Amino acid sequence: MSDRARAIVGVVVMSALLVLYFALTGMRAVALLASGTPLAIAMGLALLVLPLIGAWALGRELLFGARSTALIDRLDGEGGLPDDLGEAGPTGKADREIADAVFPRYREAAEAAPEDWRAWTRLGIAYEAAADRTRARAAIRKAIRLERDEISG
């Protein structure tokens, strides 16, 4: 099974478990609301809100995953993926020292072309290889916005 297939299976399994948790929590919330006591009603309302927030967050993450994968696949199809981040190790991650060494080039490219989704996607990949997940996600989000603007406008 490929790494991508394993990742998809993992996402599906975790999402299904989370949806099951939301359903069970929702059933408990309805039971508390039906009890009629003020404290139980307050707890039931809280239990209804939490799964809604969780479902929103799950949907947002799944959408981000789908959009970022499509963007990376498109860049790969154009032959534009970074090829100097080093070979992936046994964990599937790039060599951090190599990624840190070439990272400035990708940052400079994104700064030089702030409206180019390709540059921001490569920067996001470089951030991920350099183990800066927060900035990687921010760069990929910007790339998604830029690519969407390019398509619509």
Protein backbone atom coordinates (compact mmCIF):
# COMPACT_ATOMS: atom_id res chain seq x y z
CA MET A 1 0.00 0.00 0.00
CA SER A 2 1.40 3.41 -0.96
CA ASP A 3 2.05 6.16 1.59
CA ARG A 4 -0.79 8.19 0.12
CA ALA A 5 -3.24 5.27 0.39
CA ARG A 6 -2.21 4.69 4.01
CA ALA A 7 -2.73 8.36 4.76
CA ILE A 8 -6.19 8.30 3.19
CA VAL A 9 -7.14 5.18 5.16
CA GLY A 10 -5.92 6.87 8.33
CA VAL A 11 -7.97 9.99 7.64
CA VAL A 12 -11.08 7.93 6.88
CA VAL A 13 -10.71 5.83 10.05
CA MET A 14 -10.05 8.84 12.31
CA SER A 15 -12.91 10.79 10.73
CA ALA A 16 -15.30 7.86 11.18
CA LEU A 17 -14.30 7.52 14.84
CA LEU A 18 -14.78 11.23 15.37
CA VAL A 19 -18.21 11.15 13.72
CA LEU A 20 -19.14 8.19 15.96
CA TYR A 21 -18.01 10.22 18.98
CA PHE A 22 -20.12 13.18 17.79
CA ALA A 23 -23.16 10.92 17.39
CA LEU A 24 -22.78 9.38 20.85
CA THR A 25 -22.24 12.79 22.42
CA GLY A 26 -25.30 14.12 20.58
CA MET A 27 -27.43 11.25 21.89
CA ARG A 28 -26.24 11.95 25.43
CA ALA A 29 -27.04 15.65 24.93
CA VAL A 30 -30.60 14.87 23.82
CA ALA A 31 -31.08 12.65 26.88
CA LEU A 32 -29.86 15.45 29.17
CA LEU A 33 -32.12 17.99 27.46
CA ALA A 34 -35.10 15.67 27.91
CA SER A 35 -34.51 15.34 31.66
CA GLY A 36 -36.00 18.76 32.32
CA THR A 37 -33.70 19.84 35.15
CA PRO A 38 -31.88 23.14 34.63
CA LEU A 39 -28.39 21.76 35.22
CA ALA A 40 -28.96 18.79 32.91
CA ILE A 41 -30.37 21.10 30.22
CA ALA A 42 -27.30 23.34 30.48
CA MET A 43 -25.02 20.30 30.19
CA GLY A 44 -27.07 19.02 27.24
CA LEU A 45 -26.72 22.35 25.44
CA ALA A 46 -22.97 22.30 26.04
CA LEU A 47 -22.78 18.76 24.69
CA LEU A 48 -24.64 19.85 21.56
CA VAL A 49 -22.34 22.80 20.93
CA LEU A 50 -19.09 20.86 21.30
CA PRO A 51 -19.86 18.30 18.56
CA LEU A 52 -20.95 21.11 16.24
CA ILE A 53 -17.62 22.87 16.76
CA GLY A 54 -15.84 19.54 16.28
CA ALA A 55 -17.74 18.80 13.06
CA TRP A 56 -16.89 22.26 11.73
CA ALA A 57 -13.20 21.76 12.57
CA LEU A 58 -13.18 18.29 11.00
CA GLY A 59 -14.79 19.62 7.82
CA ARG A 60 -12.30 22.48 7.66
CA GLU A 61 -9.33 20.13 8.04
CA LEU A 62 -10.66 17.68 5.45
CA LEU A 63 -11.24 20.52 3.00
CA PHE A 64 -7.73 21.88 3.63
CA GLY A 65 -6.29 18.41 3.07
CA ALA A 66 -8.17 17.94 -0.18
CA ARG A 67 -7.28 21.39 -1.50
CA SER A 68 -3.61 21.16 -0.51
CA THR A 69 -3.31 17.70 -2.05
CA ALA A 70 -4.90 18.92 -5.28
CA LEU A 71 -2.54 21.89 -5.36
CA ILE A 72 0.54 19.73 -4.78
CA ASP A 73 -0.66 17.23 -7.39
CA ARG A 74 -1.12 20.07 -9.88
CA LEU A 75 2.37 21.40 -9.14
CA ASP A 76 3.76 17.88 -9.46
CA GLY A 77 2.01 17.48 -12.82
CA GLU A 78 3.77 20.63 -13.98
CA GLY A 79 7.11 19.28 -12.76
CA GLY A 80 7.38 22.07 -10.20
CA LEU A 81 7.86 20.22 -6.92
CA PRO A 82 11.05 20.94 -4.98
CA ASP A 83 13.66 18.30 -5.74
CA ASP A 84 16.45 19.55 -3.49
CA LEU A 85 14.97 18.89 -0.04
CA GLY A 86 16.79 15.58 0.31
CA GLU A 87 15.53 12.05 0.26
CA ALA A 88 12.76 11.08 2.63
CA GLY A 89 13.94 8.96 5.52
CA PRO A 90 12.21 5.92 7.02
CA THR A 91 9.56 8.17 8.61
CA GLY A 92 8.75 9.73 5.23
CA LYS A 93 10.19 13.10 6.22
CA ALA A 94 12.96 14.94 4.43
CA ASP A 95 16.39 15.38 5.99
CA ARG A 96 16.04 18.44 8.21
CA GLU A 97 19.60 19.72 7.69
CA ILE A 98 19.25 19.64 3.91
CA ALA A 99 15.80 21.26 4.12
CA ASP A 100 17.14 24.02 6.39
CA ALA A 101 20.00 24.69 3.98
CA VAL A 102 17.80 25.17 0.88
CA PHE A 103 14.85 26.78 2.66
CA PRO A 104 15.97 30.42 2.13
CA ARG A 105 15.76 29.97 -1.63
CA TYR A 106 12.06 29.07 -1.41
CA ARG A 107 11.34 31.92 0.99
CA GLU A 108 13.05 34.41 -1.35
CA ALA A 109 11.15 33.03 -4.35
CA ALA A 110 7.80 33.51 -2.56
CA GLU A 111 8.79 37.04 -1.49
CA ALA A 112 9.83 37.85 -5.06
CA ALA A 113 6.54 36.55 -6.49
CA PRO A 114 3.92 37.19 -3.79
CA GLU A 115 1.00 36.41 -6.12
CA ASP A 116 2.38 33.09 -7.42
CA TRP A 117 0.61 30.12 -5.84
CA ARG A 118 3.38 27.82 -7.09
CA ALA A 119 6.05 29.71 -5.13
CA TRP A 120 3.88 29.64 -1.99
CA THR A 121 3.18 25.92 -2.40
CA ARG A 122 6.91 25.20 -2.70
CA LEU A 123 7.51 27.41 0.35
CA GLY A 124 4.90 25.42 2.29
CA ILE A 125 6.61 22.17 1.30
CA ALA A 126 9.97 23.61 2.37
CA TYR A 127 8.53 24.74 5.73
CA GLU A 128 7.13 21.24 6.26
CA ALA A 129 10.51 19.70 5.42
CA ALA A 130 12.13 22.11 7.89
CA ALA A 131 9.62 20.93 10.55
CA ASP A 132 7.78 24.27 10.83
CA ARG A 133 4.25 22.97 10.50
CA THR A 134 2.47 26.19 11.46
CA ARG A 135 4.18 28.23 8.76
CA ALA A 136 3.83 25.35 6.29
CA ARG A 137 0.06 25.37 6.72
CA ALA A 138 -0.07 29.18 6.46
CA ALA A 139 1.95 29.13 3.22
CA ILE A 140 -0.25 26.39 1.75
CA ARG A 141 -3.41 28.29 2.76
CA LYS A 142 -2.07 31.35 0.95
CA ALA A 143 -1.24 29.20 -2.09
CA ILE A 144 -4.80 27.83 -2.10
CA ARG A 145 -6.24 31.38 -2.01
CA LEU A 146 -3.93 32.56 -4.78
CA GLU A 147 -4.69 29.56 -6.98
CA ARG A 148 -8.43 30.03 -6.44
CA ASP A 149 -8.08 33.72 -7.36
CA GLU A 150 -6.12 32.78 -10.49
CA ILE A 151 -8.87 30.38 -11.59
CA SER A 152 -11.75 32.75 -10.84
CA GLY A 153 -10.18 35.93 -12.11
